[in-house]
Amino acid sequence: MELTVYLQHMWQLATQGQTQGVWFWAAIYTLIICSYSLLFQVRTRYWPVTTGELVALGVDTFAFADSVKAEQDYIAKALYTYQVAGVVYTGKKISPWTFVASHNVKALLELQMSAVQRLADGKVKVYYNANNPKKSYLIIAGKLGITITWALSVLPLLAYYLKFHF
């Protein structure tokens, strides 16, 4: 079947609410979004690094404090300063991924913060965009994260193929 005909057929199935069409377009959407994320993750691995002063690093409540702890959401927050070419910048982002965690999985945020690389002199490594030094992170994507993103991008399409064409 020709590609454009196949895409039109999948669109018709999706608009009719048929599982195959919905699954196909959801897999394509996931492929596109995860591919963009994958590209960004790989690019940040090549960002230059400098040292910075950590002003604050911790877990804080997200939105409003909830009276029921189990329903409270949390977010990791940071504040750091660093210098590039004689210009001082302030950063707030720990990593490209912002996680909001419930009270029950708040430990994942603490695990993320433990990946911040602290140096012997008390400073931290700061990764910054050479083309726009005000964009920075304390953590960049590792090989495992890149592998997981790649798997998340292709597995829905592979599952679709195996279910409907194998």
N, C-alpha and C. Protein backbone atom coordinates (compact mmCIF):
# COMPACT_ATOMS: atom_id res chain seq x y z
N MET A 1 0.85 -1.18 0.00
CA MET A 1 0.00 0.00 0.00
C MET A 1 0.89 1.24 0.00
N GLU A 2 0.57 2.20 -0.82
CA GLU A 2 1.33 3.44 -0.91
C GLU A 2 1.22 4.20 0.42
N LEU A 3 2.29 4.92 0.77
CA LEU A 3 2.36 5.59 2.07
C LEU A 3 1.22 6.60 2.27
N THR A 4 0.97 7.45 1.29
CA THR A 4 -0.08 8.45 1.46
C THR A 4 -1.46 7.80 1.60
N VAL A 5 -1.69 6.73 0.87
CA VAL A 5 -2.95 6.00 0.99
C VAL A 5 -3.06 5.38 2.38
N TYR A 6 -1.95 4.81 2.86
CA TYR A 6 -1.94 4.19 4.19
C TYR A 6 -2.22 5.24 5.27
N LEU A 7 -1.57 6.40 5.17
CA LEU A 7 -1.78 7.46 6.15
C LEU A 7 -3.23 7.93 6.14
N GLN A 8 -3.81 8.08 4.94
CA GLN A 8 -5.21 8.49 4.84
C GLN A 8 -6.13 7.44 5.47
N HIS A 9 -5.81 6.18 5.22
CA HIS A 9 -6.61 5.09 5.79
C HIS A 9 -6.53 5.11 7.32
N MET A 10 -5.33 5.31 7.85
CA MET A 10 -5.16 5.36 9.31
C MET A 10 -5.89 6.57 9.88
N TRP A 11 -5.90 7.68 9.14
CA TRP A 11 -6.62 8.87 9.61
C TRP A 11 -8.12 8.60 9.67
N GLN A 12 -8.64 7.94 8.65
CA GLN A 12 -10.06 7.60 8.65
C GLN A 12 -10.40 6.68 9.81
N LEU A 13 -9.55 5.68 10.05
CA LEU A 13 -9.79 4.77 11.17
C LEU A 13 -9.76 5.52 12.50
N ALA A 14 -8.81 6.44 12.65
CA ALA A 14 -8.69 7.21 13.89
C ALA A 14 -9.92 8.09 14.11
N THR A 15 -10.38 8.74 13.05
CA THR A 15 -11.55 9.62 13.20
C THR A 15 -12.81 8.83 13.51
N GLN A 16 -12.82 7.55 13.15
CA GLN A 16 -13.95 6.67 13.47
C GLN A 16 -13.79 6.03 14.84
N GLY A 17 -12.67 6.32 15.49
CA GLY A 17 -12.43 5.75 16.82
C GLY A 17 -11.94 4.32 16.80
N GLN A 18 -11.50 3.85 15.65
CA GLN A 18 -11.00 2.47 15.54
C GLN A 18 -9.63 2.36 16.21
N THR A 19 -9.41 1.28 16.93
CA THR A 19 -8.19 1.07 17.69
C THR A 19 -6.94 1.18 16.82
N GLN A 20 -6.95 0.57 15.67
CA GLN A 20 -5.75 0.58 14.82
C GLN A 20 -5.36 2.00 14.43
N GLY A 21 -6.31 2.81 14.02
CA GLY A 21 -6.00 4.18 13.63
C GLY A 21 -5.54 5.04 14.79
N VAL A 22 -6.21 4.90 15.93
CA VAL A 22 -5.82 5.67 17.11
C VAL A 22 -4.42 5.26 17.56
N TRP A 23 -4.16 3.95 17.58
CA TRP A 23 -2.86 3.45 18.00
C TRP A 23 -1.77 3.96 17.06
N PHE A 24 -2.03 3.91 15.76
CA PHE A 24 -1.04 4.35 14.78
C PHE A 24 -0.66 5.81 15.01
N TRP A 25 -1.66 6.70 15.11
CA TRP A 25 -1.36 8.12 15.26
C TRP A 25 -0.77 8.43 16.63
N ALA A 26 -1.16 7.70 17.65
CA ALA A 26 -0.53 7.89 18.97
C ALA A 26 0.94 7.48 18.91
N ALA A 27 1.24 6.41 18.19
CA ALA A 27 2.63 5.96 18.04
C ALA A 27 3.44 6.97 17.24
N ILE A 28 2.85 7.54 16.20
CA ILE A 28 3.55 8.55 15.41
C ILE A 28 3.81 9.79 16.26
N TYR A 29 2.81 10.22 17.01
CA TYR A 29 2.97 11.38 17.91
C TYR A 29 4.09 11.13 18.92
N THR A 30 4.08 9.95 19.52
CA THR A 30 5.13 9.60 20.49
C THR A 30 6.50 9.60 19.83
N LEU A 31 6.59 9.07 18.63
CA LEU A 31 7.86 9.05 17.89
C LEU A 31 8.37 10.47 17.67
N ILE A 32 7.50 11.36 17.26
CA ILE A 32 7.92 12.75 16.98
C ILE A 32 8.36 13.45 18.25
N ILE A 33 7.56 13.39 19.30
CA ILE A 33 7.88 14.08 20.55
C ILE A 33 9.15 13.51 21.17
N CYS A 34 9.26 12.20 21.24
CA CYS A 34 10.45 11.60 21.84
C CYS A 34 11.69 11.83 20.98
N SER A 35 11.53 11.89 19.68
CA SER A 35 12.68 12.17 18.80
C SER A 35 13.22 13.57 19.06
N TYR A 36 12.31 14.53 19.23
CA TYR A 36 12.73 15.89 19.57
C TYR A 36 13.47 15.89 20.91
N SER A 37 12.92 15.19 21.88
CA SER A 37 13.56 15.11 23.20
C SER A 37 14.92 14.42 23.09
N LEU A 38 14.98 13.37 22.31
CA LEU A 38 16.23 12.64 22.12
C LEU A 38 17.30 13.53 21.50
N LEU A 39 16.93 14.29 20.50
CA LEU A 39 17.87 15.22 19.86
C LEU A 39 18.38 16.24 20.87
N PHE A 40 17.48 16.79 21.66
CA PHE A 40 17.86 17.77 22.67
C PHE A 40 18.79 17.14 23.72
N GLN A 41 18.48 15.94 24.16
CA GLN A 41 19.31 15.25 25.15
C GLN A 41 20.73 15.04 24.62
N VAL A 42 20.83 14.60 23.38
CA VAL A 42 22.15 14.35 22.79
C VAL A 42 22.91 15.67 22.66
N ARG A 43 22.23 16.73 22.24
CA ARG A 43 22.89 18.04 22.10
C ARG A 43 23.44 18.53 23.44
N THR A 44 22.68 18.37 24.52
CA THR A 44 23.16 18.87 25.82
C THR A 44 24.39 18.13 26.30
N ARG A 45 24.60 16.91 25.83
CA ARG A 45 25.80 16.16 26.23
C ARG A 45 27.08 16.83 25.69
N TYR A 46 26.93 17.69 24.70
CA TYR A 46 28.08 18.38 24.12
C TYR A 46 28.19 19.83 24.59
N TRP A 47 27.33 20.24 25.51
CA TRP A 47 27.42 21.59 26.05
C TRP A 47 28.70 21.73 26.86
N PRO A 48 29.31 22.89 26.84
CA PRO A 48 30.49 23.11 27.68
C PRO A 48 30.09 23.13 29.16
N VAL A 49 31.09 22.98 29.99
CA VAL A 49 30.85 22.94 31.44
C VAL A 49 31.72 24.00 32.11
N THR A 50 31.19 24.58 33.15
CA THR A 50 31.93 25.51 33.98
C THR A 50 31.61 25.18 35.43
N THR A 51 32.21 25.88 36.34
CA THR A 51 31.87 25.66 37.75
C THR A 51 30.97 26.78 38.22
N GLY A 52 30.16 26.47 39.20
CA GLY A 52 29.24 27.45 39.73
C GLY A 52 29.11 27.33 41.24
N GLU A 53 28.50 28.33 41.82
CA GLU A 53 28.23 28.36 43.26
C GLU A 53 26.77 27.96 43.47
N LEU A 54 26.57 26.95 44.28
CA LEU A 54 25.23 26.50 44.58
C LEU A 54 24.68 27.34 45.74
N VAL A 55 23.61 28.05 45.47
CA VAL A 55 22.97 28.89 46.49
C VAL A 55 21.92 28.07 47.24
N ALA A 56 21.13 27.31 46.51
CA ALA A 56 20.08 26.49 47.13
C ALA A 56 19.78 25.28 46.25
N LEU A 57 19.48 24.18 46.90
CA LEU A 57 19.08 22.95 46.21
C LEU A 57 18.19 22.18 47.17
N GLY A 58 16.97 21.88 46.74
CA GLY A 58 16.07 21.16 47.61
C GLY A 58 14.76 20.83 46.95
N VAL A 59 13.90 20.22 47.73
CA VAL A 59 12.56 19.84 47.28
C VAL A 59 11.58 20.79 47.94
N ASP A 60 10.64 21.30 47.14
CA ASP A 60 9.65 22.24 47.65
C ASP A 60 8.27 21.79 47.20
N THR A 61 7.25 22.29 47.87
CA THR A 61 5.89 21.96 47.48
C THR A 61 5.58 22.60 46.13
N PHE A 62 4.80 21.90 45.34
CA PHE A 62 4.39 22.39 44.04
C PHE A 62 2.98 22.95 44.18
N ALA A 63 2.79 24.14 43.70
CA ALA A 63 1.50 24.86 43.80
C ALA A 63 1.23 25.16 45.26
N PHE A 64 0.05 24.86 45.73
CA PHE A 64 -0.33 25.19 47.10
C PHE A 64 -0.11 24.00 48.01
N ALA A 65 0.22 24.29 49.25
CA ALA A 65 0.39 23.22 50.23
C ALA A 65 -0.96 22.54 50.47
N ASP A 66 -0.96 21.22 50.44
CA ASP A 66 -2.18 20.46 50.66
C ASP A 66 -2.17 19.94 52.09
N SER A 67 -3.31 19.97 52.74
CA SER A 67 -3.38 19.52 54.14
C SER A 67 -3.21 18.01 54.26
N VAL A 68 -3.50 17.28 53.19
CA VAL A 68 -3.32 15.83 53.18
C VAL A 68 -1.99 15.54 52.49
N LYS A 69 -1.00 15.04 53.27
CA LYS A 69 0.35 14.84 52.71
C LYS A 69 0.37 13.94 51.48
N ALA A 70 -0.44 12.91 51.47
CA ALA A 70 -0.44 11.97 50.35
C ALA A 70 -0.90 12.63 49.05
N GLU A 71 -1.60 13.75 49.14
CA GLU A 71 -2.08 14.44 47.95
C GLU A 71 -1.20 15.63 47.56
N GLN A 72 -0.16 15.89 48.33
CA GLN A 72 0.74 17.00 48.06
C GLN A 72 1.71 16.64 46.94
N ASP A 73 1.97 17.58 46.05
CA ASP A 73 2.95 17.40 44.99
C ASP A 73 4.20 18.21 45.31
N TYR A 74 5.34 17.71 44.82
CA TYR A 74 6.64 18.34 45.09
C TYR A 74 7.43 18.51 43.81
N ILE A 75 8.35 19.46 43.85
CA ILE A 75 9.23 19.74 42.71
C ILE A 75 10.62 20.06 43.25
N ALA A 76 11.64 19.65 42.53
CA ALA A 76 13.02 19.97 42.91
C ALA A 76 13.32 21.39 42.45
N LYS A 77 13.99 22.15 43.31
CA LYS A 77 14.33 23.53 42.98
C LYS A 77 15.81 23.77 43.24
N ALA A 78 16.37 24.66 42.44
CA ALA A 78 17.78 25.00 42.59
C ALA A 78 17.97 26.48 42.30
N LEU A 79 19.04 26.99 42.83
CA LEU A 79 19.49 28.35 42.52
C LEU A 79 21.01 28.30 42.55
N TYR A 80 21.62 28.74 41.47
CA TYR A 80 23.08 28.71 41.39
C TYR A 80 23.56 29.85 40.50
N THR A 81 24.81 30.22 40.69
CA THR A 81 25.43 31.25 39.86
C THR A 81 26.64 30.63 39.17
N TYR A 82 26.94 31.14 37.99
CA TYR A 82 28.10 30.67 37.25
C TYR A 82 28.56 31.79 36.33
N GLN A 83 29.76 31.64 35.84
CA GLN A 83 30.35 32.69 35.02
C GLN A 83 30.82 32.11 33.69
N VAL A 84 30.49 32.83 32.61
CA VAL A 84 30.94 32.46 31.26
C VAL A 84 31.46 33.72 30.60
N ALA A 85 32.70 33.70 30.17
CA ALA A 85 33.34 34.83 29.48
C ALA A 85 33.19 36.13 30.27
N GLY A 86 33.37 36.03 31.58
CA GLY A 86 33.33 37.21 32.44
C GLY A 86 31.95 37.70 32.82
N VAL A 87 30.92 37.07 32.30
CA VAL A 87 29.54 37.46 32.62
C VAL A 87 28.98 36.47 33.64
N VAL A 88 28.37 37.00 34.70
CA VAL A 88 27.78 36.16 35.74
C VAL A 88 26.32 35.90 35.40
N TYR A 89 25.95 34.62 35.47
CA TYR A 89 24.58 34.20 35.19
C TYR A 89 24.01 33.52 36.43
N THR A 90 22.68 33.54 36.51
CA THR A 90 21.97 32.82 37.57
C THR A 90 21.15 31.73 36.92
N GLY A 91 21.27 30.52 37.45
CA GLY A 91 20.50 29.40 36.92
C GLY A 91 19.55 28.86 37.96
N LYS A 92 18.45 28.28 37.47
CA LYS A 92 17.45 27.70 38.36
C LYS A 92 17.10 26.26 37.99
N LYS A 93 17.53 25.83 36.82
CA LYS A 93 17.11 24.52 36.34
C LYS A 93 18.13 23.44 36.72
N ILE A 94 17.61 22.37 37.26
CA ILE A 94 18.47 21.25 37.62
C ILE A 94 18.75 20.41 36.38
N SER A 95 17.72 20.12 35.63
CA SER A 95 17.88 19.32 34.42
C SER A 95 16.83 19.75 33.40
N PRO A 96 16.95 19.27 32.16
CA PRO A 96 15.95 19.63 31.16
C PRO A 96 14.55 19.11 31.48
N TRP A 97 14.47 18.14 32.37
CA TRP A 97 13.19 17.53 32.69
C TRP A 97 12.72 18.01 34.05
N THR A 98 11.54 18.58 34.08
CA THR A 98 10.94 19.01 35.33
C THR A 98 9.99 17.92 35.79
N PHE A 99 10.27 17.37 36.96
CA PHE A 99 9.42 16.32 37.51
C PHE A 99 8.58 16.89 38.64
N VAL A 100 7.32 16.60 38.59
CA VAL A 100 6.44 16.90 39.71
C VAL A 100 6.07 15.55 40.30
N ALA A 101 6.38 15.37 41.57
CA ALA A 101 6.18 14.07 42.21
C ALA A 101 5.21 14.18 43.37
N SER A 102 4.44 13.13 43.56
CA SER A 102 3.54 13.08 44.70
C SER A 102 4.36 12.81 45.96
N HIS A 103 3.71 12.93 47.09
CA HIS A 103 4.38 12.69 48.37
C HIS A 103 4.99 11.28 48.41
N ASN A 104 4.29 10.31 47.80
CA ASN A 104 4.74 8.92 47.87
C ASN A 104 6.00 8.64 47.06
N VAL A 105 6.28 9.45 46.04
CA VAL A 105 7.48 9.24 45.23
C VAL A 105 8.43 10.44 45.28
N LYS A 106 8.31 11.20 46.33
CA LYS A 106 9.17 12.38 46.52
C LYS A 106 10.65 11.98 46.53
N ALA A 107 10.94 10.76 46.91
CA ALA A 107 12.33 10.28 46.95
C ALA A 107 12.98 10.32 45.57
N LEU A 108 12.19 10.23 44.50
CA LEU A 108 12.76 10.32 43.15
C LEU A 108 13.38 11.68 42.90
N LEU A 109 12.78 12.72 43.45
CA LEU A 109 13.35 14.06 43.31
C LEU A 109 14.67 14.15 44.05
N GLU A 110 14.73 13.55 45.22
CA GLU A 110 15.98 13.56 45.99
C GLU A 110 17.06 12.77 45.26
N LEU A 111 16.66 11.69 44.60
CA LEU A 111 17.60 10.91 43.79
C LEU A 111 18.11 11.75 42.63
N GLN A 112 17.23 12.51 41.98
CA GLN A 112 17.65 13.39 40.90
C GLN A 112 18.66 14.41 41.41
N MET A 113 18.40 14.99 42.56
CA MET A 113 19.30 16.01 43.10
C MET A 113 20.66 15.43 43.48
N SER A 114 20.69 14.15 43.83
CA SER A 114 21.97 13.54 44.18
C SER A 114 22.89 13.40 42.97
N ALA A 115 22.35 13.56 41.76
CA ALA A 115 23.16 13.48 40.54
C ALA A 115 23.90 14.78 40.25
N VAL A 116 23.59 15.84 40.99
CA VAL A 116 24.32 17.10 40.83
C VAL A 116 25.77 16.85 41.24
N GLN A 117 26.71 17.21 40.36
CA GLN A 117 28.12 16.92 40.60
C GLN A 117 28.76 18.03 41.43
N ARG A 118 29.04 17.70 42.68
CA ARG A 118 29.69 18.65 43.58
C ARG A 118 31.19 18.40 43.53
N LEU A 119 31.94 19.47 43.46
CA LEU A 119 33.39 19.38 43.39
C LEU A 119 33.99 19.49 44.78
N ALA A 120 35.26 19.16 44.92
CA ALA A 120 35.93 19.16 46.22
C ALA A 120 35.92 20.54 46.88
N ASP A 121 35.93 21.59 46.08
CA ASP A 121 35.95 22.95 46.64
C ASP A 121 34.55 23.48 46.97
N GLY A 122 33.53 22.62 46.88
CA GLY A 122 32.16 23.01 47.22
C GLY A 122 31.37 23.55 46.04
N LYS A 123 32.01 23.76 44.91
CA LYS A 123 31.31 24.25 43.73
C LYS A 123 30.62 23.09 43.03
N VAL A 124 29.82 23.43 42.03
CA VAL A 124 29.12 22.42 41.25
C VAL A 124 29.43 22.60 39.77
N LYS A 125 29.27 21.51 39.03
CA LYS A 125 29.41 21.59 37.58
C LYS A 125 28.13 22.17 37.01
N VAL A 126 28.29 23.12 36.09
CA VAL A 126 27.15 23.74 35.42
C VAL A 126 27.36 23.55 33.92
N TYR A 127 26.39 22.95 33.27
CA TYR A 127 26.41 22.77 31.82
C TYR A 127 25.60 23.89 31.21
N TYR A 128 26.17 24.57 30.22
CA TYR A 128 25.48 25.71 29.63
C TYR A 128 25.53 25.65 28.11
N ASN A 129 24.56 26.29 27.50
CA ASN A 129 24.46 26.36 26.05
C ASN A 129 25.47 27.41 25.56
N ALA A 130 26.44 27.00 24.78
CA ALA A 130 27.49 27.92 24.30
C ALA A 130 26.90 29.06 23.47
N ASN A 131 25.81 28.81 22.76
CA ASN A 131 25.18 29.84 21.95
C ASN A 131 24.27 30.77 22.75
N ASN A 132 23.90 30.34 23.93
CA ASN A 132 23.01 31.12 24.79
C ASN A 132 23.35 30.77 26.25
N PRO A 133 24.44 31.32 26.78
CA PRO A 133 24.95 30.90 28.10
C PRO A 133 23.98 31.06 29.27
N LYS A 134 22.90 31.82 29.09
CA LYS A 134 21.95 31.94 30.20
C LYS A 134 21.11 30.68 30.36
N LYS A 135 21.17 29.77 29.40
CA LYS A 135 20.48 28.48 29.52
C LYS A 135 21.47 27.47 30.10
N SER A 136 21.10 26.90 31.23
CA SER A 136 22.02 26.00 31.90
C SER A 136 21.28 24.94 32.70
N TYR A 137 22.01 23.88 33.02
CA TYR A 137 21.51 22.78 33.84
C TYR A 137 22.63 22.28 34.73
N LEU A 138 22.24 21.68 35.83
CA LEU A 138 23.22 21.04 36.71
C LEU A 138 23.41 19.57 36.33
N ILE A 139 22.45 19.02 35.61
CA ILE A 139 22.51 17.61 35.20
C ILE A 139 22.15 17.56 33.71
N ILE A 140 22.92 16.79 32.95
CA ILE A 140 22.58 16.56 31.55
C ILE A 140 22.21 15.09 31.38
N ALA A 141 21.68 14.77 30.24
CA ALA A 141 21.22 13.41 29.97
C ALA A 141 22.39 12.42 30.00
N GLY A 142 22.16 11.31 30.63
CA GLY A 142 23.12 10.22 30.63
C GLY A 142 22.76 9.22 29.55
N LYS A 143 23.62 8.25 29.36
CA LYS A 143 23.38 7.24 28.33
C LYS A 143 22.12 6.44 28.61
N LEU A 144 21.85 6.16 29.89
CA LEU A 144 20.64 5.41 30.23
C LEU A 144 19.38 6.21 29.88
N GLY A 145 19.37 7.49 30.21
CA GLY A 145 18.23 8.33 29.89
C GLY A 145 17.99 8.44 28.40
N ILE A 146 19.06 8.55 27.65
CA ILE A 146 18.95 8.62 26.19
C ILE A 146 18.42 7.30 25.64
N THR A 147 18.89 6.20 26.18
CA THR A 147 18.43 4.89 25.74
C THR A 147 16.95 4.71 26.05
N ILE A 148 16.52 5.13 27.23
CA ILE A 148 15.11 5.02 27.60
C ILE A 148 14.25 5.88 26.68
N THR A 149 14.68 7.09 26.39
CA THR A 149 13.92 7.96 25.50
C THR A 149 13.83 7.35 24.10
N TRP A 150 14.93 6.79 23.63
CA TRP A 150 14.92 6.14 22.31
C TRP A 150 13.92 4.98 22.31
N ALA A 151 13.97 4.16 23.38
CA ALA A 151 13.05 3.02 23.46
C ALA A 151 11.59 3.50 23.50
N LEU A 152 11.33 4.55 24.27
CA LEU A 152 9.96 5.08 24.34
C LEU A 152 9.50 5.64 23.01
N SER A 153 10.45 6.08 22.18
CA SER A 153 10.07 6.65 20.89
C SER A 153 9.71 5.56 19.87
N VAL A 154 10.38 4.43 19.91
CA VAL A 154 10.15 3.41 18.88
C VAL A 154 9.26 2.25 19.32
N LEU A 155 9.17 2.00 20.62
CA LEU A 155 8.39 0.84 21.07
C LEU A 155 6.90 0.92 20.72
N PRO A 156 6.24 2.07 20.85
CA PRO A 156 4.82 2.09 20.45
C PRO A 156 4.62 1.76 18.97
N LEU A 157 5.49 2.24 18.10
CA LEU A 157 5.37 1.95 16.68
C LEU A 157 5.69 0.47 16.40
N LEU A 158 6.66 -0.06 17.09
CA LEU A 158 6.98 -1.49 16.95
C LEU A 158 5.81 -2.35 17.44
N ALA A 159 5.23 -1.99 18.58
CA ALA A 159 4.08 -2.73 19.10
C ALA A 159 2.90 -2.64 18.13
N TYR A 160 2.71 -1.47 17.54
CA TYR A 160 1.65 -1.30 16.54
C TYR A 160 1.88 -2.26 15.37
N TYR A 161 3.10 -2.28 14.87
CA TYR A 161 3.43 -3.13 13.72
C TYR A 161 3.20 -4.60 14.07
N LEU A 162 3.66 -5.01 15.23
CA LEU A 162 3.51 -6.42 15.62
C LEU A 162 2.04 -6.80 15.79
N LYS A 163 1.24 -5.90 16.30
CA LYS A 163 -0.17 -6.20 16.52
C LYS A 163 -0.98 -6.21 15.22
N PHE A 164 -0.71 -5.27 14.33
CA PHE A 164 -1.58 -5.11 13.17
C PHE A 164 -0.99 -5.58 11.84
N HIS A 165 0.31 -5.87 11.80
CA HIS A 165 0.91 -6.23 10.51
C HIS A 165 1.81 -7.45 10.58
N PHE A 166 1.81 -8.16 11.67
CA PHE A 166 2.71 -9.29 11.78
C PHE A 166 1.94 -10.58 11.81
